[in-house]
């Protein structure tokens, strides 16, 4: 980020270069994602079963018994749980989740702002607010990066085309789309409206961060004194409990709710004259609804009656009277 600012300061038109090559950059990122995914799939065929995801290991047995090929699904979802580089020093999945996509997203936002200046325009308050909100979101992910170690992506998903393409191409180029729209279409918005957008974003961020922090701490050590009076549901699986306290007593996916509120705030900052900026919250809603269903199917199969009891205690998936348990 400092290099980008420095280059722009010394007269290198970084914004113009990146914007003129944006399509080529996106295509290259997509092709690289495809090639890397092919390499990862080939590599996964040579590693022991202990290095595979539970799903991939079980599908190998099923395929051997039935003779059916699951290549497309395994290529998309990934087979190896934690492919490592440089003698095991670098966890490739962790690196892809936390570095190139998120940082690339912010770099593209900055390049779009530089392009506005290069065109002789003025960076308006909504544009500056939008990029600031994006920066806070990415900085949060990097500052609290250890929290990702307890997430589904790291613990259960393989590293396949879905995660590779998502992190290297989809996140930087699609998530920055709202900022891209503002290069030539900045909304006129009074300061009090911008403050309102910021408040909505901070409200969503508080829900997102507080619920994720509570979940991460509970997963790491549920016997901490802070959880002594919290309502939990024993699962009977390796002494684990399901948390039904705090924001996790209001709904089963409060972190998703916070994410959606922030996405709504980002699109509000872009305004209603940039319709493509509203693609992100629509996409995120579909993604998180699907993710919630996948998580709950997994939990139901894993915890059985304990999960049923938990759903009775916490009937709301997202919001009360919206997307409740069937």
C-alpha atoms as a PDB file:
ATOM      1  CA  UNK A   1       0.000   0.000   0.000  1.00  0.00           C
ATOM      2  CA  UNK A   2       2.856   2.371   0.829  1.00  0.00           C
ATOM      3  CA  UNK A   3       4.550   1.483  -2.466  1.00  0.00           C
ATOM      4  CA  UNK A   4       1.342   2.296  -4.336  1.00  0.00           C
ATOM      5  CA  UNK A   5       1.030   5.652  -2.599  1.00  0.00           C
ATOM      6  CA  UNK A   6       4.725   6.384  -3.173  1.00  0.00           C
ATOM      7  CA  UNK A   7       4.533   5.558  -6.877  1.00  0.00           C
ATOM      8  CA  UNK A   8       1.514   7.812  -7.288  1.00  0.00           C
ATOM      9  CA  UNK A   9       3.261  10.587  -5.346  1.00  0.00           C
ATOM     10  CA  UNK A  10       6.267  10.474  -7.683  1.00  0.00           C
ATOM     11  CA  UNK A  11       4.127  10.821 -10.779  1.00  0.00           C
ATOM     12  CA  UNK A  12       3.531   7.221 -11.825  1.00  0.00           C
ATOM     13  CA  UNK A  13      -0.119   7.116 -12.783  1.00  0.00           C
ATOM     14  CA  UNK A  14      -0.881   3.911 -10.906  1.00  0.00           C
ATOM     15  CA  UNK A  15      -4.636   4.390 -11.075  1.00  0.00           C
ATOM     16  CA  UNK A  16      -4.624   4.835 -14.855  1.00  0.00           C
ATOM     17  CA  UNK A  17      -2.381   1.814 -15.392  1.00  0.00           C
ATOM     18  CA  UNK A  18      -4.466  -0.497 -13.210  1.00  0.00           C
ATOM     19  CA  UNK A  19      -7.814   0.727 -14.564  1.00  0.00           C
ATOM     20  CA  UNK A  20      -6.697   0.368 -18.201  1.00  0.00           C
ATOM     21  CA  UNK A  21      -5.456  -3.167 -17.517  1.00  0.00           C
ATOM     22  CA  UNK A  22      -8.226  -4.180 -15.116  1.00  0.00           C
ATOM     23  CA  UNK A  23      -9.901  -6.682 -17.438  1.00  0.00           C
ATOM     24  CA  UNK A  24      -6.569  -8.299 -18.321  1.00  0.00           C
ATOM     25  CA  UNK A  25      -5.621  -8.485 -14.656  1.00  0.00           C
ATOM     26  CA  UNK A  26      -8.936 -10.172 -13.813  1.00  0.00           C
ATOM     27  CA  UNK A  27      -8.518 -12.668 -16.671  1.00  0.00           C
ATOM     28  CA  UNK A  28      -4.937 -13.441 -15.605  1.00  0.00           C
ATOM     29  CA  UNK A  29      -6.022 -13.950 -11.995  1.00  0.00           C
ATOM     30  CA  UNK A  30      -8.778 -16.311 -13.174  1.00  0.00           C
ATOM     31  CA  UNK A  31      -6.407 -18.310 -15.399  1.00  0.00           C
ATOM     32  CA  UNK A  32      -3.805 -18.517 -12.655  1.00  0.00           C
ATOM     33  CA  UNK A  33      -6.511 -19.754 -10.270  1.00  0.00           C
ATOM     34  CA  UNK A  34      -7.432 -22.490 -12.750  1.00  0.00           C
ATOM     35  CA  UNK A  35      -3.810 -23.580 -13.223  1.00  0.00           C
ATOM     36  CA  UNK A  36      -3.129 -23.565  -9.488  1.00  0.00           C
ATOM     37  CA  UNK A  37      -6.282 -25.609  -8.861  1.00  0.00           C
ATOM     38  CA  UNK A  38      -5.188 -28.183 -11.445  1.00  0.00           C
ATOM     39  CA  UNK A  39      -1.802 -28.409  -9.737  1.00  0.00           C
ATOM     40  CA  UNK A  40      -3.409 -28.790  -6.321  1.00  0.00           C
ATOM     41  CA  UNK A  41      -5.712 -31.534  -7.561  1.00  0.00           C
ATOM     42  CA  UNK A  42      -2.787 -33.422  -9.111  1.00  0.00           C
ATOM     43  CA  UNK A  43      -0.820 -33.006  -5.890  1.00  0.00           C
ATOM     44  CA  UNK A  44      -3.738 -34.287  -3.800  1.00  0.00           C
ATOM     45  CA  UNK A  45      -3.616 -37.578  -5.699  1.00  0.00           C
ATOM     46  CA  UNK A  46      -0.141 -38.226  -4.315  1.00  0.00           C
ATOM     47  CA  UNK A  47      -0.659 -37.401  -0.634  1.00  0.00           C
ATOM     48  CA  UNK A  48      -1.743 -39.921   2.026  1.00  0.00           C
ATOM     49  CA  UNK A  49      -5.392 -40.156   3.027  1.00  0.00           C
ATOM     50  CA  UNK A  50      -4.575 -38.519   6.368  1.00  0.00           C
ATOM     51  CA  UNK A  51      -3.846 -35.262   4.480  1.00  0.00           C
ATOM     52  CA  UNK A  52      -7.252 -35.228   2.769  1.00  0.00           C
ATOM     53  CA  UNK A  53     -10.511 -33.777   3.973  1.00  0.00           C
ATOM     54  CA  UNK A  54     -12.884 -36.215   5.639  1.00  0.00           C
ATOM     55  CA  UNK A  55     -15.235 -35.876   2.670  1.00  0.00           C
ATOM     56  CA  UNK A  56     -12.490 -36.594   0.112  1.00  0.00           C
ATOM     57  CA  UNK A  57     -11.219 -39.612   2.053  1.00  0.00           C
ATOM     58  CA  UNK A  58     -14.716 -41.084   2.320  1.00  0.00           C
ATOM     59  CA  UNK A  59     -15.492 -40.377  -1.351  1.00  0.00           C
ATOM     60  CA  UNK A  60     -12.380 -42.322  -2.366  1.00  0.00           C
ATOM     61  CA  UNK A  61     -13.770 -45.377  -0.616  1.00  0.00           C
ATOM     62  CA  UNK A  62     -17.220 -44.841  -2.136  1.00  0.00           C
ATOM     63  CA  UNK A  63     -15.775 -44.350  -5.622  1.00  0.00           C
ATOM     64  CA  UNK A  64     -13.665 -47.465  -5.298  1.00  0.00           C
ATOM     65  CA  UNK A  65     -16.742 -49.444  -4.317  1.00  0.00           C
ATOM     66  CA  UNK A  66     -19.114 -48.012  -6.939  1.00  0.00           C
ATOM     67  CA  UNK A  67     -16.716 -47.151  -9.744  1.00  0.00           C
ATOM     68  CA  UNK A  68     -18.174 -43.612 -10.009  1.00  0.00           C
ATOM     69  CA  UNK A  69     -15.890 -40.643 -10.677  1.00  0.00           C
ATOM     70  CA  UNK A  70     -16.254 -37.534  -8.513  1.00  0.00           C
ATOM     71  CA  UNK A  71     -13.579 -35.508 -10.316  1.00  0.00           C
ATOM     72  CA  UNK A  72     -15.604 -32.337 -10.981  1.00  0.00           C
ATOM     73  CA  UNK A  73     -16.882 -32.055  -7.415  1.00  0.00           C
ATOM     74  CA  UNK A  74     -13.485 -32.802  -5.870  1.00  0.00           C
ATOM     75  CA  UNK A  75     -11.712 -30.378  -8.231  1.00  0.00           C
ATOM     76  CA  UNK A  76     -14.161 -27.626  -7.252  1.00  0.00           C
ATOM     77  CA  UNK A  77     -14.268 -28.295  -3.502  1.00  0.00           C
ATOM     78  CA  UNK A  78     -10.685 -29.474  -3.064  1.00  0.00           C
ATOM     79  CA  UNK A  79      -9.297 -32.699  -1.658  1.00  0.00           C
ATOM     80  CA  UNK A  80      -6.240 -31.808   0.411  1.00  0.00           C
ATOM     81  CA  UNK A  81      -7.030 -30.093   3.704  1.00  0.00           C
ATOM     82  CA  UNK A  82      -3.795 -28.174   4.295  1.00  0.00           C
ATOM     83  CA  UNK A  83      -1.363 -28.165   1.356  1.00  0.00           C
ATOM     84  CA  UNK A  84       1.922 -26.743   2.597  1.00  0.00           C
ATOM     85  CA  UNK A  85       4.930 -25.208   0.861  1.00  0.00           C
ATOM     86  CA  UNK A  86       8.607 -24.751   1.718  1.00  0.00           C
ATOM     87  CA  UNK A  87       8.924 -27.810   3.851  1.00  0.00           C
ATOM     88  CA  UNK A  88       5.657 -27.213   5.689  1.00  0.00           C
ATOM     89  CA  UNK A  89       6.428 -23.625   6.683  1.00  0.00           C
ATOM     90  CA  UNK A  90       3.619 -22.069   4.636  1.00  0.00           C
ATOM     91  CA  UNK A  91       0.003 -23.214   4.837  1.00  0.00           C
ATOM     92  CA  UNK A  92      -1.148 -22.319   1.317  1.00  0.00           C
ATOM     93  CA  UNK A  93      -4.855 -22.242   2.179  1.00  0.00           C
ATOM     94  CA  UNK A  94      -4.301 -19.928   5.144  1.00  0.00           C
ATOM     95  CA  UNK A  95      -2.109 -17.671   2.983  1.00  0.00           C
ATOM     96  CA  UNK A  96      -4.673 -17.437   0.180  1.00  0.00           C
ATOM     97  CA  UNK A  97      -7.505 -16.770   2.614  1.00  0.00           C
ATOM     98  CA  UNK A  98      -5.698 -13.933   4.384  1.00  0.00           C
ATOM     99  CA  UNK A  99      -3.279 -12.228   1.994  1.00  0.00           C
ATOM    100  CA  UNK A 100      -3.579 -11.740  -1.794  1.00  0.00           C
ATOM    101  CA  UNK A 101      -7.341 -11.347  -2.160  1.00  0.00           C
ATOM    102  CA  UNK A 102      -7.999  -9.100   0.821  1.00  0.00           C
ATOM    103  CA  UNK A 103      -4.956  -6.884   0.308  1.00  0.00           C
ATOM    104  CA  UNK A 104      -5.570  -6.822  -3.449  1.00  0.00           C
ATOM    105  CA  UNK A 105      -9.107  -5.586  -2.783  1.00  0.00           C
ATOM    106  CA  UNK A 106      -7.792  -2.569  -0.861  1.00  0.00           C
ATOM    107  CA  UNK A 107      -5.102  -1.890  -3.481  1.00  0.00           C
ATOM    108  CA  UNK A 108      -7.752  -1.779  -6.206  1.00  0.00           C
ATOM    109  CA  UNK A 109      -9.858   0.615  -4.114  1.00  0.00           C
ATOM    110  CA  UNK A 110      -6.818   2.876  -3.782  1.00  0.00           C
ATOM    111  CA  UNK A 111      -6.083   2.676  -7.513  1.00  0.00           C
ATOM    112  CA  UNK A 112      -9.657   3.741  -8.285  1.00  0.00           C
ATOM    113  CA  UNK A 113      -9.256   6.750  -6.002  1.00  0.00           C
ATOM    114  CA  UNK A 114      -6.002   7.683  -7.746  1.00  0.00           C
ATOM    115  CA  UNK A 115      -7.810   7.430 -11.084  1.00  0.00           C
ATOM    116  CA  UNK A 116     -10.390   9.969  -9.939  1.00  0.00           C
ATOM    117  CA  UNK A 117      -7.556  12.408  -9.164  1.00  0.00           C
ATOM    118  CA  UNK A 118      -5.852  11.611 -12.492  1.00  0.00           C
ATOM    119  CA  UNK A 119      -9.094  12.496 -14.276  1.00  0.00           C
ATOM    120  CA  UNK A 120      -9.059  15.877 -12.547  1.00  0.00           C
ATOM    121  CA  UNK A 121     -11.920  14.992 -10.244  1.00  0.00           C
ATOM    122  CA  UNK A 122     -12.394  15.276  -6.501  1.00  0.00           C
ATOM    123  CA  UNK A 123     -12.713  12.288  -4.189  1.00  0.00           C
ATOM    124  CA  UNK A 124     -16.084  12.848  -2.594  1.00  0.00           C
ATOM    125  CA  UNK A 125     -17.012  12.036   0.980  1.00  0.00           C
ATOM    126  CA  UNK A 126     -19.074   8.925   0.015  1.00  0.00           C
ATOM    127  CA  UNK A 127     -16.153   7.493  -2.006  1.00  0.00           C
ATOM    128  CA  UNK A 128     -13.679   8.133   0.810  1.00  0.00           C
ATOM    129  CA  UNK A 129     -16.126   6.627   3.308  1.00  0.00           C
ATOM    130  CA  UNK A 130     -16.621   3.513   1.186  1.00  0.00           C
ATOM    131  CA  UNK A 131     -12.893   2.825   0.842  1.00  0.00           C
ATOM    132  CA  UNK A 132     -12.423   3.507   4.560  1.00  0.00           C
ATOM    133  CA  UNK A 133     -15.093   0.936   5.435  1.00  0.00           C
ATOM    134  CA  UNK A 134     -13.446  -1.607   3.141  1.00  0.00           C
ATOM    135  CA  UNK A 135     -10.076  -0.889   4.745  1.00  0.00           C
ATOM    136  CA  UNK A 136     -11.464  -1.418   8.243  1.00  0.00           C
ATOM    137  CA  UNK A 137     -12.982  -4.745   7.204  1.00  0.00           C
ATOM    138  CA  UNK A 138      -9.697  -6.008   5.727  1.00  0.00           C
ATOM    139  CA  UNK A 139      -7.628  -4.660   8.629  1.00  0.00           C
ATOM    140  CA  UNK A 140      -9.946  -6.485  11.033  1.00  0.00           C
ATOM    141  CA  UNK A 141      -9.421  -9.755   9.170  1.00  0.00           C
ATOM    142  CA  UNK A 142      -5.643  -9.365   9.288  1.00  0.00           C
ATOM    143  CA  UNK A 143      -5.509  -8.183  12.897  1.00  0.00           C
ATOM    144  CA  UNK A 144      -7.721 -11.020  14.125  1.00  0.00           C
ATOM    145  CA  UNK A 145      -6.302 -13.551  11.673  1.00  0.00           C
ATOM    146  CA  UNK A 146      -5.992 -16.296  14.282  1.00  0.00           C
ATOM    147  CA  UNK A 147      -9.803 -16.389  14.395  1.00  0.00           C
ATOM    148  CA  UNK A 148      -9.884 -17.969  10.953  1.00  0.00           C
ATOM    149  CA  UNK A 149      -8.219 -21.078  12.351  1.00  0.00           C
ATOM    150  CA  UNK A 150     -11.526 -22.132  13.927  1.00  0.00           C
ATOM    151  CA  UNK A 151     -13.650 -21.479  10.809  1.00  0.00           C
ATOM    152  CA  UNK A 152     -15.151 -24.055   8.459  1.00  0.00           C
ATOM    153  CA  UNK A 153     -12.915 -23.008   5.557  1.00  0.00           C
ATOM    154  CA  UNK A 154      -9.774 -23.883   7.482  1.00  0.00           C
ATOM    155  CA  UNK A 155     -11.004 -26.821   9.580  1.00  0.00           C
ATOM    156  CA  UNK A 156     -13.122 -28.709   7.061  1.00  0.00           C
ATOM    157  CA  UNK A 157     -12.893 -27.419   3.474  1.00  0.00           C
ATOM    158  CA  UNK A 158     -10.279 -28.628   1.016  1.00  0.00           C
ATOM    159  CA  UNK A 159      -8.247 -26.221  -1.088  1.00  0.00           C
ATOM    160  CA  UNK A 160      -9.862 -26.513  -4.506  1.00  0.00           C
ATOM    161  CA  UNK A 161     -11.016 -24.253  -7.303  1.00  0.00           C
ATOM    162  CA  UNK A 162     -13.788 -22.720  -5.165  1.00  0.00           C
ATOM    163  CA  UNK A 163     -11.409 -21.278  -2.569  1.00  0.00           C
ATOM    164  CA  UNK A 164      -8.527 -20.596  -4.964  1.00  0.00           C
ATOM    165  CA  UNK A 165     -10.622 -18.651  -7.485  1.00  0.00           C
ATOM    166  CA  UNK A 166     -12.597 -17.011  -4.688  1.00  0.00           C
ATOM    167  CA  UNK A 167      -9.511 -15.666  -2.963  1.00  0.00           C
ATOM    168  CA  UNK A 168      -7.330 -14.786  -5.950  1.00  0.00           C
ATOM    169  CA  UNK A 169      -9.902 -13.453  -8.412  1.00  0.00           C
ATOM    170  CA  UNK A 170     -13.405 -13.081  -6.988  1.00  0.00           C
ATOM    171  CA  UNK A 171     -12.588 -11.206  -3.774  1.00  0.00           C
ATOM    172  CA  UNK A 172     -10.331  -8.456  -5.172  1.00  0.00           C
ATOM    173  CA  UNK A 173     -12.165  -7.805  -8.445  1.00  0.00           C
ATOM    174  CA  UNK A 174     -15.789  -8.339  -7.413  1.00  0.00           C
ATOM    175  CA  UNK A 175     -15.659  -6.925  -3.893  1.00  0.00           C
ATOM    176  CA  UNK A 176     -14.091  -3.694  -5.210  1.00  0.00           C
ATOM    177  CA  UNK A 177     -16.824  -3.307  -7.841  1.00  0.00           C
ATOM    178  CA  UNK A 178     -18.706  -0.692  -5.809  1.00  0.00           C
ATOM    179  CA  UNK A 179     -15.588   1.499  -5.625  1.00  0.00           C
ATOM    180  CA  UNK A 180     -14.973   0.960  -9.351  1.00  0.00           C
ATOM    181  CA  UNK A 181     -18.450   2.314 -10.080  1.00  0.00           C
ATOM    182  CA  UNK A 182     -17.638   5.581  -8.309  1.00  0.00           C
ATOM    183  CA  UNK A 183     -14.773   6.574 -10.605  1.00  0.00           C
ATOM    184  CA  UNK A 184     -17.246   8.230 -12.957  1.00  0.00           C
ATOM    185  CA  UNK A 185     -20.445   8.101 -10.950  1.00  0.00           C
ATOM    186  CA  UNK A 186     -19.928   9.553  -7.472  1.00  0.00           C
ATOM    187  CA  UNK A 187     -23.170  10.205  -5.600  1.00  0.00           C
ATOM    188  CA  UNK A 188     -24.064  13.558  -4.135  1.00  0.00           C
ATOM    189  CA  UNK A 189     -24.715  12.895  -0.486  1.00  0.00           C
ATOM    190  CA  UNK A 190     -25.008  15.340   2.433  1.00  0.00           C
ATOM    191  CA  UNK A 191     -22.685  14.827   5.374  1.00  0.00           C
ATOM    192  CA  UNK A 192     -25.458  13.656   7.712  1.00  0.00           C
ATOM    193  CA  UNK A 193     -26.314  10.831   5.281  1.00  0.00           C
ATOM    194  CA  UNK A 194     -22.669   9.773   5.185  1.00  0.00           C
ATOM    195  CA  UNK A 195     -22.639   9.745   8.993  1.00  0.00           C
ATOM    196  CA  UNK A 196     -25.741   7.553   8.898  1.00  0.00           C
ATOM    197  CA  UNK A 197     -24.051   5.127   6.507  1.00  0.00           C
ATOM    198  CA  UNK A 198     -21.017   5.011   8.785  1.00  0.00           C
ATOM    199  CA  UNK A 199     -23.252   4.300  11.775  1.00  0.00           C
ATOM    200  CA  UNK A 200     -24.946   1.412   9.937  1.00  0.00           C
ATOM    201  CA  UNK A 201     -21.536   0.023   9.030  1.00  0.00           C
ATOM    202  CA  UNK A 202     -20.225   0.333  12.586  1.00  0.00           C
ATOM    203  CA  UNK A 203     -23.374  -1.344  13.911  1.00  0.00           C
ATOM    204  CA  UNK A 204     -22.848  -4.256  11.519  1.00  0.00           C
ATOM    205  CA  UNK A 205     -19.158  -4.373  12.363  1.00  0.00           C
ATOM    206  CA  UNK A 206     -19.912  -4.547  16.091  1.00  0.00           C
ATOM    207  CA  UNK A 207     -22.250  -7.519  15.561  1.00  0.00           C
ATOM    208  CA  UNK A 208     -19.743  -9.188  13.243  1.00  0.00           C
ATOM    209  CA  UNK A 209     -16.702  -8.710  15.454  1.00  0.00           C
ATOM    210  CA  UNK A 210     -18.382  -9.385  18.825  1.00  0.00           C
ATOM    211  CA  UNK A 211     -20.054 -12.602  17.664  1.00  0.00           C
ATOM    212  CA  UNK A 212     -16.956 -13.899  15.872  1.00  0.00           C
ATOM    213  CA  UNK A 213     -14.773 -13.122  18.889  1.00  0.00           C
ATOM    214  CA  UNK A 214     -17.155 -14.897  21.270  1.00  0.00           C
ATOM    215  CA  UNK A 215     -17.395 -17.923  18.965  1.00  0.00           C
ATOM    216  CA  UNK A 216     -13.623 -18.145  18.541  1.00  0.00           C
ATOM    217  CA  UNK A 217     -12.921 -17.870  22.273  1.00  0.00           C
ATOM    218  CA  UNK A 218     -15.590 -20.464  23.110  1.00  0.00           C
ATOM    219  CA  UNK A 219     -14.210 -22.913  20.564  1.00  0.00           C
ATOM    220  CA  UNK A 220     -10.695 -22.479  21.900  1.00  0.00           C
ATOM    221  CA  UNK A 221     -11.583 -22.917  25.553  1.00  0.00           C
ATOM    222  CA  UNK A 222     -15.258 -23.275  26.599  1.00  0.00           C
ATOM    223  CA  UNK A 223     -14.199 -23.581  30.253  1.00  0.00           C
ATOM    224  CA  UNK A 224     -13.091 -19.956  30.567  1.00  0.00           C
ATOM    225  CA  UNK A 225     -14.699 -18.103  33.517  1.00  0.00           C
ATOM    226  CA  UNK A 226     -16.498 -15.750  31.121  1.00  0.00           C
ATOM    227  CA  UNK A 227     -18.595 -18.682  29.887  1.00  0.00           C
ATOM    228  CA  UNK A 228     -19.413 -20.037  33.349  1.00  0.00           C
ATOM    229  CA  UNK A 229     -22.977 -18.663  33.346  1.00  0.00           C
ATOM    230  CA  UNK A 230     -23.618 -19.004  29.616  1.00  0.00           C
ATOM    231  CA  UNK A 231     -26.320 -21.334  28.360  1.00  0.00           C
ATOM    232  CA  UNK A 232     -24.856 -24.204  26.367  1.00  0.00           C
ATOM    233  CA  UNK A 233     -26.052 -27.496  24.921  1.00  0.00           C
ATOM    234  CA  UNK A 234     -23.880 -30.570  25.590  1.00  0.00           C
ATOM    235  CA  UNK A 235     -23.321 -32.605  22.423  1.00  0.00           C
ATOM    236  CA  UNK A 236     -21.763 -35.774  23.801  1.00  0.00           C
ATOM    237  CA  UNK A 237     -19.065 -35.466  21.106  1.00  0.00           C
ATOM    238  CA  UNK A 238     -15.627 -35.187  22.701  1.00  0.00           C
ATOM    239  CA  UNK A 239     -17.025 -33.063  25.519  1.00  0.00           C
ATOM    240  CA  UNK A 240     -18.121 -30.269  23.190  1.00  0.00           C
ATOM    241  CA  UNK A 241     -20.965 -27.855  23.841  1.00  0.00           C
ATOM    242  CA  UNK A 242     -23.031 -25.615  21.568  1.00  0.00           C
ATOM    243  CA  UNK A 243     -23.124 -21.969  22.612  1.00  0.00           C
ATOM    244  CA  UNK A 244     -26.588 -20.429  23.081  1.00  0.00           C
ATOM    245  CA  UNK A 245     -25.709 -17.179  24.849  1.00  0.00           C
ATOM    246  CA  UNK A 246     -25.067 -13.554  23.926  1.00  0.00           C
ATOM    247  CA  UNK A 247     -25.685 -12.861  20.241  1.00  0.00           C
ATOM    248  CA  UNK A 248     -25.674 -16.631  19.687  1.00  0.00           C
ATOM    249  CA  UNK A 249     -28.902 -16.837  21.699  1.00  0.00           C
ATOM    250  CA  UNK A 250     -30.663 -14.437  19.318  1.00  0.00           C
ATOM    251  CA  UNK A 251     -29.882 -16.353  16.142  1.00  0.00           C
ATOM    252  CA  UNK A 252     -27.685 -19.194  14.933  1.00  0.00           C
ATOM    253  CA  UNK A 253     -25.566 -17.051  12.589  1.00  0.00           C
ATOM    254  CA  UNK A 254     -25.177 -13.544  14.103  1.00  0.00           C
ATOM    255  CA  UNK A 255     -21.801 -13.077  12.383  1.00  0.00           C
ATOM    256  CA  UNK A 256     -23.579 -13.487   9.031  1.00  0.00           C
ATOM    257  CA  UNK A 257     -26.102 -10.828  10.048  1.00  0.00           C
ATOM    258  CA  UNK A 258     -23.271  -8.385  10.807  1.00  0.00           C
ATOM    259  CA  UNK A 259     -21.659  -9.166   7.460  1.00  0.00           C
ATOM    260  CA  UNK A 260     -24.909  -8.438   5.621  1.00  0.00           C
ATOM    261  CA  UNK A 261     -25.463  -5.154   7.467  1.00  0.00           C
ATOM    262  CA  UNK A 262     -21.966  -3.983   6.483  1.00  0.00           C
ATOM    263  CA  UNK A 263     -22.541  -5.009   2.852  1.00  0.00           C
ATOM    264  CA  UNK A 264     -25.759  -2.963   2.828  1.00  0.00           C
ATOM    265  CA  UNK A 265     -23.877   0.064   4.197  1.00  0.00           C
ATOM    266  CA  UNK A 266     -21.208  -0.222   1.491  1.00  0.00           C
ATOM    267  CA  UNK A 267     -23.821  -0.184  -1.252  1.00  0.00           C
ATOM    268  CA  UNK A 268     -25.591   2.756   0.384  1.00  0.00           C
ATOM    269  CA  UNK A 269     -22.306   4.684   0.249  1.00  0.00           C
ATOM    270  CA  UNK A 270     -22.126   3.988  -3.496  1.00  0.00           C
ATOM    271  CA  UNK A 271     -25.663   5.297  -3.916  1.00  0.00           C
ATOM    272  CA  UNK A 272     -28.565   4.226  -6.096  1.00  0.00           C
ATOM    273  CA  UNK A 273     -27.073   5.625  -9.305  1.00  0.00           C
ATOM    274  CA  UNK A 274     -24.484   2.825  -9.339  1.00  0.00           C
ATOM    275  CA  UNK A 275     -26.687  -0.288  -9.667  1.00  0.00           C
ATOM    276  CA  UNK A 276     -23.751  -2.695 -10.042  1.00  0.00           C
ATOM    277  CA  UNK A 277     -22.659  -1.727  -6.525  1.00  0.00           C
ATOM    278  CA  UNK A 278     -25.753  -3.550  -5.236  1.00  0.00           C
ATOM    279  CA  UNK A 279     -24.638  -6.853  -6.683  1.00  0.00           C
ATOM    280  CA  UNK A 280     -22.382  -7.510  -3.705  1.00  0.00           C
ATOM    281  CA  UNK A 281     -25.037  -7.584  -0.928  1.00  0.00           C
ATOM    282  CA  UNK A 282     -27.324  -9.648  -3.184  1.00  0.00           C
ATOM    283  CA  UNK A 283     -24.523 -12.124  -3.833  1.00  0.00           C
ATOM    284  CA  UNK A 284     -23.544 -12.193  -0.168  1.00  0.00           C
ATOM    285  CA  UNK A 285     -27.114 -12.962   0.918  1.00  0.00           C
ATOM    286  CA  UNK A 286     -27.276 -15.964  -1.424  1.00  0.00           C
ATOM    287  CA  UNK A 287     -23.812 -17.101  -0.325  1.00  0.00           C
ATOM    288  CA  UNK A 288     -24.533 -16.883   3.399  1.00  0.00           C
ATOM    289  CA  UNK A 289     -27.952 -18.548   3.135  1.00  0.00           C
ATOM    290  CA  UNK A 290     -26.289 -21.424   1.304  1.00  0.00           C
ATOM    291  CA  UNK A 291     -23.414 -21.475   3.797  1.00  0.00           C
ATOM    292  CA  UNK A 292     -25.840 -21.545   6.726  1.00  0.00           C
ATOM    293  CA  UNK A 293     -27.671 -24.519   5.233  1.00  0.00           C
ATOM    294  CA  UNK A 294     -24.416 -26.400   4.630  1.00  0.00           C
ATOM    295  CA  UNK A 295     -23.225 -25.721   8.180  1.00  0.00           C
ATOM    296  CA  UNK A 296     -26.518 -26.843   9.695  1.00  0.00           C
ATOM    297  CA  UNK A 297     -26.655 -30.054   7.664  1.00  0.00           C
ATOM    298  CA  UNK A 298     -23.148 -30.843   8.898  1.00  0.00           C
ATOM    299  CA  UNK A 299     -24.025 -30.014  12.520  1.00  0.00           C
ATOM    300  CA  UNK A 300     -27.240 -32.062  12.375  1.00  0.00           C
ATOM    301  CA  UNK A 301     -25.333 -35.097  11.120  1.00  0.00           C
ATOM    302  CA  UNK A 302     -22.561 -34.599  13.674  1.00  0.00           C
ATOM    303  CA  UNK A 303     -24.527 -33.731  16.822  1.00  0.00           C
ATOM    304  CA  UNK A 304     -27.923 -35.373  16.203  1.00  0.00           C
ATOM    305  CA  UNK A 305     -30.406 -34.768  19.029  1.00  0.00           C
ATOM    306  CA  UNK A 306     -28.139 -32.137  20.602  1.00  0.00           C
ATOM    307  CA  UNK A 307     -28.465 -30.060  17.429  1.00  0.00           C
ATOM    308  CA  UNK A 308     -32.250 -30.468  17.473  1.00  0.00           C
ATOM    309  CA  UNK A 309     -32.294 -29.247  21.070  1.00  0.00           C
ATOM    310  CA  UNK A 310     -30.064 -26.306  20.135  1.00  0.00           C
ATOM    311  CA  UNK A 311     -32.391 -25.328  17.276  1.00  0.00           C
ATOM    312  CA  UNK A 312     -35.323 -25.360  19.696  1.00  0.00           C
ATOM    313  CA  UNK A 313     -33.438 -22.965  21.980  1.00  0.00           C
ATOM    314  CA  UNK A 314     -32.307 -20.755  19.072  1.00  0.00           C
ATOM    315  CA  UNK A 315     -35.034 -21.009  16.396  1.00  0.00           C
ATOM    316  CA  UNK A 316     -33.864 -18.065  14.280  1.00  0.00           C
ATOM    317  CA  UNK A 317     -31.233 -18.623  11.626  1.00  0.00           C
ATOM    318  CA  UNK A 318     -30.661 -14.927  10.924  1.00  0.00           C
ATOM    319  CA  UNK A 319     -33.372 -12.575  12.196  1.00  0.00           C
ATOM    320  CA  UNK A 320     -36.607 -13.214  14.123  1.00  0.00           C
ATOM    321  CA  UNK A 321     -39.429 -14.101  11.733  1.00  0.00           C
ATOM    322  CA  UNK A 322     -36.945 -14.121   8.840  1.00  0.00           C
ATOM    323  CA  UNK A 323     -35.390 -17.345   7.563  1.00  0.00           C
ATOM    324  CA  UNK A 324     -36.282 -19.367  10.638  1.00  0.00           C
ATOM    325  CA  UNK A 325     -35.799 -23.085  11.012  1.00  0.00           C
ATOM    326  CA  UNK A 326     -38.248 -25.024   8.876  1.00  0.00           C
END
